[in-house]
Amino acid sequence: MSTINGGVSFWYATDGLPAPREPLPGDATADVVIVGGGYTGLWTAYYLKKAAPSLDVAVLESRFCGYGASGRNGGWLYNGIAGRDRYAELHGRDSAARLQEAMNDTVGEVVRVASEESIDADIHQGGVLEVAYTPAQLGRLKDFVATEAAFGEKDRLLLGARETAERIRVAGAVGSTWTPHGARIHPVKLVKGLATAAEGLGVRVYESTPVTEIRPGHAVTPYGTVRAPYVLRCTEGFTASLKGQRRAWLPMNSSMIATEPLGPEVWDAIGWAGRETLGDMAHAYMYAQRTADDRIALGGRGVPYRFGSRTDNDGRTQASTVSALREVLVRFFPQLAGVRVSHAWSGVLGVPRDWCASVSLDRATGLGWAGGYVGSGVATANLAGRTLRDLVRRDAGEAGDTDLTALPWVDHKVRLWEPEPLRWVGVRGMYAAYRGADRRELSRPAARTDRVARLADRIAGRH
């Protein structure tokens, strides 16, 4: 049986596409209009209606809720946030530590709401295990653990080779780190449940309604214009498709594969009884989970960027990317060499030029936005939604400043990406450098991170 490639994602293949909602019927008004029906837009709508039930909130989605990264991601609900080190440089370590603490709490907040709203998203709080399998990776892992401790994480563990194998038997792993601030989820079950919960509160959700332009007080679509005092852009990797936003956030591609269900004898050999989410310390890193139906879903960058900020065709990914991800799978678990890859898919995530996630509301125009999660959006979108709620309510005079509006990522500004072909050359070159560095660290083990990777980090603005 051949691999199913595309179809949006494996998650939709197993849970089914949602029943379509109606498009916008014509010109309309609202108190708040949200562009984008993924996690960020839906969490924002949900929390706004919970805080102010009389508020008229409309969501405009170009395809269907969860069509983008929210329905295609690796199912990592964890406490990582893009740009924390940069925010420490700009605003001080204490401020960045408060942002990290908020992210730690966000994992529990998502689990709480899912339970409260009876959303069965296959959530399992097994934490996050990140492994090292070269001396250079182990050095980076130890530095990472020290940095996390400096930002206030008190319950992260540094594990040796034997302790790592007791959790998951990754071939050649020489160490790992584990944090409890993480959970495995089924992304589509979460986004479907969240959309239903928002509608239950009275949020109007219009699908098959692409927004072509956002301007103060207006969200313009082919079917009509929605006028509202607040227009919130929650489009993440699809932001470049909006008028005037082509260079704002770069749509970075990430691809995934899922195996066929694995039998008990395979799991006896691999371990993974705790169902932790699994990552590594490579420069071109991988991410994986043990699904509720006992498959391994594993992802990585593949072809990182398409010229002109183009996005994929319903999740279809290149055969070479599927082969590369399968190689990662077998490198981690050699006993899976003969296992069939049942599904492959891809999606895009939003990357700002300085790799910093942010949330903002312009008081002069009523335009707001959140995103730039750089692949850490499952939990971060929830924090962003609550923060946008507080910013809108503060601006409307319904509430004052909160702990969330004081976080350092609020109102962060970043310069635009370079025009083409410079950004295509730059991004493709950066990931070629990272892959080359990973190969050299594997073939010529050394305790120091490859110098080409360090140079790529500095040029990209990641550190």
Protein backbone atom coordinates (compact mmCIF):
# COMPACT_ATOMS: atom_id res chain seq x y z
CA MET A 1 0.00 0.00 0.00
CA SER A 2 1.49 3.35 -1.04
CA THR A 3 1.98 6.40 1.14
CA ILE A 4 -0.90 8.87 1.19
CA ASN A 5 0.75 12.19 0.35
CA GLY A 6 -1.13 15.40 1.15
CA GLY A 7 -4.85 15.48 1.83
CA VAL A 8 -4.02 18.40 4.17
CA SER A 9 -2.59 16.12 6.87
CA PHE A 10 -2.61 12.69 8.49
CA TRP A 11 -4.69 14.21 11.28
CA TYR A 12 -7.51 15.00 8.87
CA ALA A 13 -7.14 11.64 7.15
CA THR A 14 -7.83 9.90 10.45
CA ASP A 15 -10.40 12.30 11.91
CA GLY A 16 -12.12 13.50 8.73
CA LEU A 17 -12.48 16.93 7.17
CA PRO A 18 -14.92 19.23 9.00
CA ALA A 19 -18.43 19.90 7.73
CA PRO A 20 -18.21 23.16 5.76
CA ARG A 21 -19.47 26.39 7.28
CA GLU A 22 -21.13 29.07 5.19
CA PRO A 23 -19.07 31.90 3.64
CA LEU A 24 -19.66 35.54 4.47
CA PRO A 25 -23.06 36.42 2.97
CA GLY A 26 -22.20 40.05 2.19
CA ASP A 27 -21.14 43.31 3.83
CA ALA A 28 -21.31 43.06 7.61
CA THR A 29 -20.30 44.77 10.83
CA ALA A 30 -18.84 43.46 14.07
CA ASP A 31 -17.15 44.71 17.22
CA VAL A 32 -14.09 42.59 16.45
CA VAL A 33 -13.26 40.82 13.20
CA ILE A 34 -10.56 38.14 13.26
CA VAL A 35 -8.78 37.11 10.08
CA GLY A 36 -7.74 33.48 10.26
CA GLY A 37 -9.50 30.45 11.71
CA GLY A 38 -6.53 28.63 13.20
CA TYR A 39 -5.51 28.32 16.83
CA THR A 40 -4.66 32.02 17.26
CA GLY A 41 -7.88 33.35 15.75
CA LEU A 42 -10.11 30.83 17.49
CA TRP A 43 -8.47 31.22 20.90
CA THR A 44 -8.78 35.00 20.58
CA ALA A 45 -12.46 34.74 19.65
CA TYR A 46 -13.10 32.24 22.44
CA TYR A 47 -11.51 34.33 25.18
CA LEU A 48 -13.09 37.57 23.98
CA LYS A 49 -16.57 36.06 24.17
CA LYS A 50 -15.86 34.46 27.55
CA ALA A 51 -14.76 37.83 28.91
CA ALA A 52 -17.47 39.93 27.21
CA PRO A 53 -20.44 37.81 26.05
CA SER A 54 -22.17 40.80 24.46
CA LEU A 55 -19.23 41.45 22.14
CA ASP A 56 -19.96 40.75 18.46
CA VAL A 57 -17.00 38.71 17.20
CA ALA A 58 -16.62 37.39 13.63
CA VAL A 59 -13.93 35.04 12.28
CA LEU A 60 -13.07 34.98 8.56
CA GLU A 61 -11.27 31.88 7.29
CA SER A 62 -10.11 31.41 3.70
CA ARG A 63 -10.60 27.62 3.57
CA PHE A 64 -11.82 25.92 6.76
CA CYS A 65 -10.84 26.28 10.40
CA GLY A 66 -7.56 24.48 10.97
CA TYR A 67 -6.61 24.23 7.30
CA GLY A 68 -3.16 25.73 8.00
CA ALA A 69 -0.57 24.88 10.63
CA SER A 70 -3.22 24.29 13.30
CA GLY A 71 -4.34 21.15 11.47
CA ARG A 72 -0.95 19.96 10.28
CA ASN A 73 1.53 20.40 13.16
CA GLY A 74 3.35 17.75 15.15
CA GLY A 75 1.01 17.88 18.13
CA TRP A 76 3.53 19.38 20.53
CA LEU A 77 1.75 21.34 23.25
CA TYR A 78 4.84 22.64 25.03
CA ASN A 79 6.38 25.65 26.69
CA GLY A 80 8.83 26.77 24.00
CA ILE A 81 8.53 30.31 22.66
CA ALA A 82 10.41 31.95 19.82
CA GLY A 83 12.61 34.90 20.67
CA ARG A 84 12.97 34.61 24.44
CA ASP A 85 16.73 35.25 24.42
CA ARG A 86 16.24 38.29 22.22
CA TYR A 87 13.60 39.64 24.60
CA ALA A 88 16.03 39.18 27.47
CA GLU A 89 18.54 41.36 25.57
CA LEU A 90 15.94 44.04 24.86
CA HIS A 91 13.96 44.09 28.12
CA GLY A 92 16.03 42.27 30.72
CA ARG A 93 16.17 38.69 31.93
CA ASP A 94 13.39 39.13 34.52
CA SER A 95 10.96 40.27 31.84
CA ALA A 96 11.85 37.35 29.58
CA ALA A 97 11.55 34.97 32.55
CA ARG A 98 7.98 36.19 33.10
CA LEU A 99 7.25 35.37 29.47
CA GLN A 100 8.67 31.89 30.01
CA GLU A 101 6.59 31.42 33.16
CA ALA A 102 3.49 32.43 31.22
CA MET A 103 4.33 29.80 28.61
CA ASN A 104 4.81 27.15 31.30
CA ASP A 105 1.33 27.96 32.61
CA THR A 106 -0.14 27.96 29.11
CA VAL A 107 0.32 24.21 28.71
CA GLY A 108 -1.97 23.66 31.68
CA GLU A 109 -4.40 26.31 30.46
CA VAL A 110 -4.96 24.50 27.15
CA VAL A 111 -5.47 21.21 28.98
CA ARG A 112 -7.92 22.92 31.36
CA VAL A 113 -10.04 24.46 28.60
CA ALA A 114 -10.08 21.23 26.61
CA SER A 115 -11.46 19.44 29.67
CA GLU A 116 -13.93 22.23 30.47
CA GLU A 117 -15.25 22.27 26.89
CA SER A 118 -15.27 18.45 26.58
CA ILE A 119 -12.72 18.52 23.75
CA ASP A 120 -11.19 15.05 23.43
CA ALA A 121 -7.92 15.86 21.69
CA ASP A 122 -5.95 12.73 22.70
CA ILE A 123 -4.04 14.84 25.23
CA HIS A 124 -1.37 13.02 27.20
CA GLN A 125 0.88 15.04 29.53
CA GLY A 126 4.08 13.06 29.19
CA GLY A 127 6.38 16.08 28.96
CA VAL A 128 9.05 16.77 26.35
CA LEU A 129 12.21 14.68 25.83
CA GLU A 130 14.99 16.18 23.69
CA VAL A 131 17.92 13.92 22.92
CA ALA A 132 21.56 14.33 21.89
CA TYR A 133 23.44 11.72 19.86
CA THR A 134 26.77 13.45 19.12
CA PRO A 135 29.27 15.15 21.43
CA ALA A 136 28.45 18.55 19.89
CA GLN A 137 24.73 17.99 20.45
CA LEU A 138 25.41 16.99 24.04
CA GLY A 139 27.33 20.21 24.56
CA ARG A 140 24.41 22.23 23.19
CA LEU A 141 21.99 20.24 25.30
CA LYS A 142 23.89 21.00 28.51
CA ASP A 143 24.03 24.69 27.58
CA PHE A 144 20.29 24.58 26.89
CA VAL A 145 19.54 23.08 30.30
CA ALA A 146 21.66 25.74 32.00
CA THR A 147 19.86 28.49 30.07
CA GLU A 148 16.43 27.10 30.97
CA ALA A 149 17.43 27.07 34.64
CA ALA A 150 18.56 30.69 34.35
CA PHE A 151 15.08 31.55 33.04
CA GLY A 152 13.47 29.97 36.08
CA GLU A 153 12.64 26.41 35.03
CA LYS A 154 13.17 24.38 38.19
CA ASP A 155 11.80 21.00 37.15
CA ARG A 156 13.82 20.23 34.02
CA LEU A 157 15.99 17.11 34.19
CA LEU A 158 19.34 16.40 32.55
CA LEU A 159 19.52 12.68 31.75
CA GLY A 160 22.43 10.47 30.83
CA ALA A 161 22.44 7.73 28.18
CA ARG A 162 21.02 5.06 30.48
CA GLU A 163 18.26 7.29 31.87
CA THR A 164 17.37 8.37 28.33
CA ALA A 165 17.04 4.76 27.21
CA GLU A 166 14.75 4.05 30.15
CA ARG A 167 12.31 6.53 28.59
CA ILE A 168 12.86 6.06 24.84
CA ARG A 169 15.55 3.89 23.28
CA VAL A 170 16.89 6.23 20.60
CA ALA A 171 19.86 4.64 18.84
CA GLY A 172 23.12 6.26 19.86
CA ALA A 173 21.59 8.74 22.30
CA VAL A 174 24.24 9.95 24.75
CA GLY A 175 21.97 12.15 26.84
CA SER A 176 18.72 14.08 26.93
CA THR A 177 16.69 16.64 28.79
CA TRP A 178 13.10 16.28 29.95
CA THR A 179 10.58 18.87 31.08
CA PRO A 180 7.06 18.21 32.39
CA HIS A 181 5.78 21.33 30.58
CA GLY A 182 4.55 19.51 27.52
CA ALA A 183 1.83 17.23 26.20
CA ARG A 184 0.99 15.23 23.12
CA ILE A 185 -2.19 16.24 21.32
CA HIS A 186 -4.16 15.43 18.17
CA PRO A 187 -4.04 18.85 16.50
CA VAL A 188 -7.21 18.50 14.42
CA LYS A 189 -9.34 17.29 17.31
CA LEU A 190 -8.23 20.35 19.26
CA VAL A 191 -8.93 22.87 16.49
CA LYS A 192 -12.30 21.30 15.65
CA GLY A 193 -13.34 21.36 19.28
CA LEU A 194 -12.14 24.92 19.74
CA ALA A 195 -14.13 26.12 16.71
CA THR A 196 -17.25 24.42 18.07
CA ALA A 197 -16.70 25.95 21.51
CA ALA A 198 -16.27 29.44 20.04
CA GLU A 199 -19.44 29.09 17.99
CA GLY A 200 -21.25 27.88 21.09
CA LEU A 201 -20.39 31.18 22.75
CA GLY A 202 -21.87 33.10 19.83
CA VAL A 203 -18.81 33.73 17.63
CA ARG A 204 -19.74 33.98 13.94
CA VAL A 205 -17.38 31.81 11.88
CA TYR A 206 -17.33 32.24 8.09
CA GLU A 207 -15.33 29.76 6.02
CA SER A 208 -14.33 29.75 2.33
CA THR A 209 -13.94 33.51 2.81
CA PRO A 210 -10.44 34.70 1.86
CA VAL A 211 -9.48 38.13 3.11
CA THR A 212 -7.64 40.01 0.39
CA GLU A 213 -6.88 43.21 2.28
CA ILE A 214 -6.83 44.46 5.84
CA ARG A 215 -7.02 48.17 6.58
CA PRO A 216 -8.21 50.18 9.60
CA GLY A 217 -11.81 49.26 10.33
CA HIS A 218 -12.10 46.93 7.32
CA ALA A 219 -11.50 43.30 6.37
CA VAL A 220 -12.07 43.01 2.63
CA THR A 221 -13.22 39.74 1.02
CA PRO A 222 -14.64 38.79 -2.41
CA TYR A 223 -18.06 38.42 -0.78
CA GLY A 224 -18.17 41.71 1.06
CA THR A 225 -16.37 43.82 3.63
CA VAL A 226 -16.64 43.39 7.36
CA ARG A 227 -16.34 46.69 9.21
CA ALA A 228 -15.23 46.67 12.82
CA PRO A 229 -13.33 48.92 15.24
CA TYR A 230 -10.82 46.09 15.73
CA VAL A 231 -9.38 43.97 12.93
CA LEU A 232 -7.03 41.24 14.16
CA ARG A 233 -4.67 39.43 11.80
CA CYS A 234 -4.13 35.83 12.90
CA THR A 235 -2.80 34.29 9.69
CA GLU A 236 0.67 33.01 10.72
CA GLY A 237 2.33 31.26 7.72
CA PHE A 238 -0.28 32.60 5.28
CA THR A 239 0.34 36.26 6.16
CA ALA A 240 2.36 36.81 2.97
CA SER A 241 -0.80 36.28 0.88
CA LEU A 242 -2.34 39.50 2.23
CA LYS A 243 -1.92 42.79 0.39
CA GLY A 244 1.15 44.64 1.67
CA GLN A 245 2.35 41.75 3.86
CA ARG A 246 4.53 39.71 1.49
CA ARG A 247 7.74 40.50 3.38
CA ALA A 248 6.32 40.57 6.91
CA TRP A 249 6.60 36.93 7.95
CA LEU A 250 8.30 34.29 5.87
CA PRO A 251 6.24 31.08 5.32
CA MET A 252 8.66 28.38 6.41
CA ASN A 253 7.83 24.87 5.27
CA SER A 254 7.81 21.89 7.60
CA SER A 255 6.95 18.34 6.58
CA MET A 256 5.85 15.21 8.41
CA ILE A 257 5.39 11.49 8.00
CA ALA A 258 3.36 8.98 10.00
CA THR A 259 4.03 5.26 10.20
CA GLU A 260 1.47 2.52 10.10
CA PRO A 261 0.32 1.46 13.61
CA LEU A 262 3.11 -0.39 15.41
CA GLY A 263 2.57 -3.60 17.37
CA PRO A 264 3.31 -4.25 21.07
CA GLU A 265 6.58 -6.03 20.27
CA VAL A 266 7.89 -2.91 18.53
CA TRP A 267 6.98 -0.72 21.49
CA ASP A 268 8.62 -3.20 23.83
CA ALA A 269 11.83 -2.63 21.87
CA ILE A 270 11.50 1.16 21.62
CA GLY A 271 10.00 1.94 25.00
CA TRP A 272 8.22 5.31 24.89
CA ALA A 273 5.71 4.18 27.52
CA GLY A 274 5.48 7.74 28.83
CA ARG A 275 4.38 9.04 25.41
CA GLU A 276 6.65 12.06 25.70
CA THR A 277 6.96 14.32 22.70
CA LEU A 278 10.42 13.71 21.24
CA GLY A 279 12.94 16.10 19.70
CA ASP A 280 16.67 16.38 19.21
CA MET A 281 19.50 18.90 19.35
CA ALA A 282 20.42 18.82 15.65
CA HIS A 283 20.57 22.11 13.77
CA ALA A 284 17.95 20.84 11.30
CA TYR A 285 15.99 19.35 14.15
CA MET A 286 13.26 16.72 14.18
CA TYR A 287 10.11 16.44 16.27
CA ALA A 288 7.92 13.42 16.90
CA GLN A 289 5.14 11.91 18.95
CA ARG A 290 3.68 8.50 19.70
CA THR A 291 0.09 8.89 18.55
CA ALA A 292 -2.98 7.64 20.40
CA ASP A 293 -3.30 4.81 17.85
CA ASP A 294 0.35 3.79 18.31
CA ARG A 295 2.02 5.26 15.24
CA ILE A 296 5.06 7.49 15.16
CA ALA A 297 4.40 10.90 13.61
CA LEU A 298 7.72 12.59 12.83
CA GLY A 299 8.60 15.89 11.20
CA GLY A 300 11.39 18.16 10.02
CA ARG A 301 12.10 20.97 7.60
CA GLY A 302 12.22 19.25 4.18
CA VAL A 303 12.32 22.01 1.53
CA PRO A 304 12.32 24.96 3.93
CA TYR A 305 11.05 27.74 1.67
CA ARG A 306 9.37 28.16 -1.71
CA PHE A 307 10.33 31.09 -3.93
CA GLY A 308 8.06 34.12 -3.66
CA SER A 309 6.57 33.00 -0.31
CA ARG A 310 4.42 30.40 -2.06
CA THR A 311 2.67 27.77 0.03
CA ASP A 312 1.98 24.07 -0.62
CA ASN A 313 -0.89 22.38 -2.42
CA ASP A 314 -3.16 20.88 0.29
CA GLY A 315 -0.21 19.51 2.22
CA ARG A 316 1.51 17.54 -0.52
CA THR A 317 5.26 17.21 0.04
CA GLN A 318 8.20 16.14 -2.13
CA ALA A 319 9.23 12.48 -2.43
CA SER A 320 12.80 13.46 -1.46
CA THR A 321 11.49 14.98 1.79
CA VAL A 322 9.54 11.81 2.61
CA SER A 323 12.71 9.77 2.06
CA ALA A 324 14.77 12.14 4.23
CA LEU A 325 12.27 11.96 7.09
CA ARG A 326 12.18 8.19 6.82
CA GLU A 327 15.97 8.17 7.14
CA VAL A 328 15.65 10.17 10.38
CA LEU A 329 13.05 7.69 11.64
CA VAL A 330 15.30 4.71 10.96
CA ARG A 331 18.37 6.45 12.37
CA PHE A 332 16.49 6.93 15.63
CA PHE A 333 14.87 3.49 15.58
CA PRO A 334 16.76 1.02 13.32
CA GLN A 335 14.20 -1.71 14.05
CA LEU A 336 11.69 0.28 11.96
CA ALA A 337 13.63 -0.17 8.68
CA GLY A 338 10.83 -2.28 7.21
CA VAL A 339 7.89 -0.29 8.60
CA ARG A 340 5.56 1.39 6.10
CA VAL A 341 5.12 5.16 6.06
CA SER A 342 1.36 5.52 5.72
CA HIS A 343 1.03 9.30 5.40
CA ALA A 344 3.14 12.33 4.43
CA TRP A 345 2.17 15.99 4.47
CA SER A 346 3.51 19.51 4.90
CA GLY A 347 2.51 22.98 6.04
CA VAL A 348 3.91 26.43 6.67
CA LEU A 349 4.73 28.37 9.82
CA GLY A 350 5.40 32.08 10.21
CA VAL A 351 8.97 33.32 10.70
CA PRO A 352 9.72 36.99 11.46
CA ARG A 353 13.07 38.41 10.38
CA ASP A 354 14.39 38.32 13.96
CA TRP A 355 12.75 34.94 14.78
CA CYS A 356 10.69 36.49 17.60
CA ALA A 357 7.03 35.67 18.21
CA SER A 358 4.93 38.75 18.99
CA VAL A 359 1.45 40.09 19.67
CA SER A 360 0.33 43.67 19.11
CA LEU A 361 -2.57 46.11 18.89
CA ASP A 362 -2.20 49.53 17.31
CA ARG A 363 -4.38 51.88 19.34
CA ALA A 364 -4.48 54.47 16.56
CA THR A 365 -5.87 52.12 13.91
CA GLY A 366 -7.47 49.23 15.78
CA LEU A 367 -5.31 46.80 13.82
CA GLY A 368 -3.87 43.91 15.79
CA TRP A 369 -1.89 40.79 15.04
CA ALA A 370 -0.22 37.82 16.64
CA GLY A 371 2.09 35.12 15.36
CA GLY A 372 5.61 34.53 14.13
CA TYR A 373 5.76 31.41 16.29
CA VAL A 374 8.59 29.75 14.30
CA GLY A 375 7.11 26.29 14.87
CA SER A 376 6.18 26.67 18.54
CA GLY A 377 2.61 27.78 17.97
CA VAL A 378 0.39 25.11 19.52
CA ALA A 379 0.70 26.55 23.02
CA THR A 380 1.94 30.03 22.09
CA ALA A 381 -1.26 30.68 20.10
CA ASN A 382 -3.25 30.26 23.31
CA LEU A 383 -1.13 32.82 25.15
CA ALA A 384 -1.42 35.13 22.15
CA GLY A 385 -5.20 34.78 22.11
CA ARG A 386 -5.49 35.70 25.78
CA THR A 387 -3.10 38.60 25.26
CA LEU A 388 -5.06 39.97 22.28
CA ARG A 389 -8.20 39.70 24.42
CA ASP A 390 -6.59 41.84 27.12
CA LEU A 391 -5.24 44.37 24.61
CA VAL A 392 -8.65 44.84 22.97
CA ARG A 393 -10.43 45.17 26.30
CA ARG A 394 -7.82 47.65 27.55
CA ASP A 395 -8.12 49.75 24.42
CA ALA A 396 -11.93 49.69 24.65
CA GLY A 397 -11.75 50.92 28.24
CA GLU A 398 -13.25 47.71 29.62
CA ALA A 399 -10.12 46.68 31.54
CA GLY A 400 -6.71 47.97 32.50
CA ASP A 401 -3.24 46.58 32.06
CA THR A 402 -2.76 42.94 32.97
CA ASP A 403 0.19 40.65 33.55
CA LEU A 404 -0.17 39.54 29.93
CA THR A 405 -0.16 43.03 28.39
CA ALA A 406 3.10 43.71 30.26
CA LEU A 407 4.96 40.78 28.70
CA PRO A 408 7.96 41.77 26.54
CA TRP A 409 6.62 40.33 23.28
CA VAL A 410 3.72 42.80 23.26
CA ASP A 411 4.05 45.49 20.56
CA HIS A 412 7.41 44.14 19.41
CA LYS A 413 8.39 45.54 16.01
CA VAL A 414 10.67 43.84 13.50
CA ARG A 415 12.07 44.78 10.12
CA LEU A 416 10.84 43.21 6.89
CA TRP A 417 12.43 40.25 5.16
CA GLU A 418 14.67 40.95 2.20
CA PRO A 419 13.03 41.01 -1.26
CA GLU A 420 13.38 38.09 -3.65
CA PRO A 421 15.59 36.47 -4.69
CA LEU A 422 17.64 37.39 -1.62
CA ARG A 423 15.37 35.72 0.92
CA TRP A 424 15.08 32.53 -1.16
CA VAL A 425 18.86 32.32 -1.49
CA GLY A 426 19.34 33.18 2.17
CA VAL A 427 16.88 30.68 3.63
CA ARG A 428 17.88 27.84 1.33
CA GLY A 429 21.54 28.56 2.04
CA MET A 430 20.95 28.68 5.79
CA TYR A 431 19.34 25.24 5.91
CA ALA A 432 21.95 23.79 3.57
CA ALA A 433 24.51 25.03 6.09
CA TYR A 434 22.62 23.45 8.98
CA ARG A 435 22.29 20.10 7.25
CA GLY A 436 25.95 20.14 6.33
CA ALA A 437 26.85 20.94 9.92
CA ASP A 438 24.72 18.03 11.17
CA ARG A 439 26.48 15.65 8.75
CA ARG A 440 29.90 16.82 9.85
CA GLU A 441 29.01 16.52 13.54
CA LEU A 442 27.92 12.93 12.90
CA SER A 443 30.92 11.91 10.81
CA ARG A 444 33.63 13.82 12.70
CA PRO A 445 32.44 13.88 16.30
CA ALA A 446 33.69 16.85 18.25
CA ALA A 447 32.43 18.49 21.40
CA ARG A 448 32.19 21.92 19.79
CA THR A 449 29.28 23.03 17.59
CA ASP A 450 30.20 23.18 13.90
CA ARG A 451 31.49 26.65 13.02
CA VAL A 452 29.37 26.89 9.86
CA ALA A 453 26.22 26.40 11.95
CA ARG A 454 27.37 29.12 14.35
CA LEU A 455 27.93 31.47 11.44
CA ALA A 456 24.50 30.61 9.97
CA ASP A 457 22.87 31.42 13.32
CA ARG A 458 24.49 34.85 13.40
CA ILE A 459 23.62 35.69 9.78
CA ALA A 460 20.01 34.51 10.21
CA GLY A 461 19.57 36.56 13.39
CA ARG A 462 18.60 33.53 15.44
CA HIS A 463 21.05 34.34 18.23
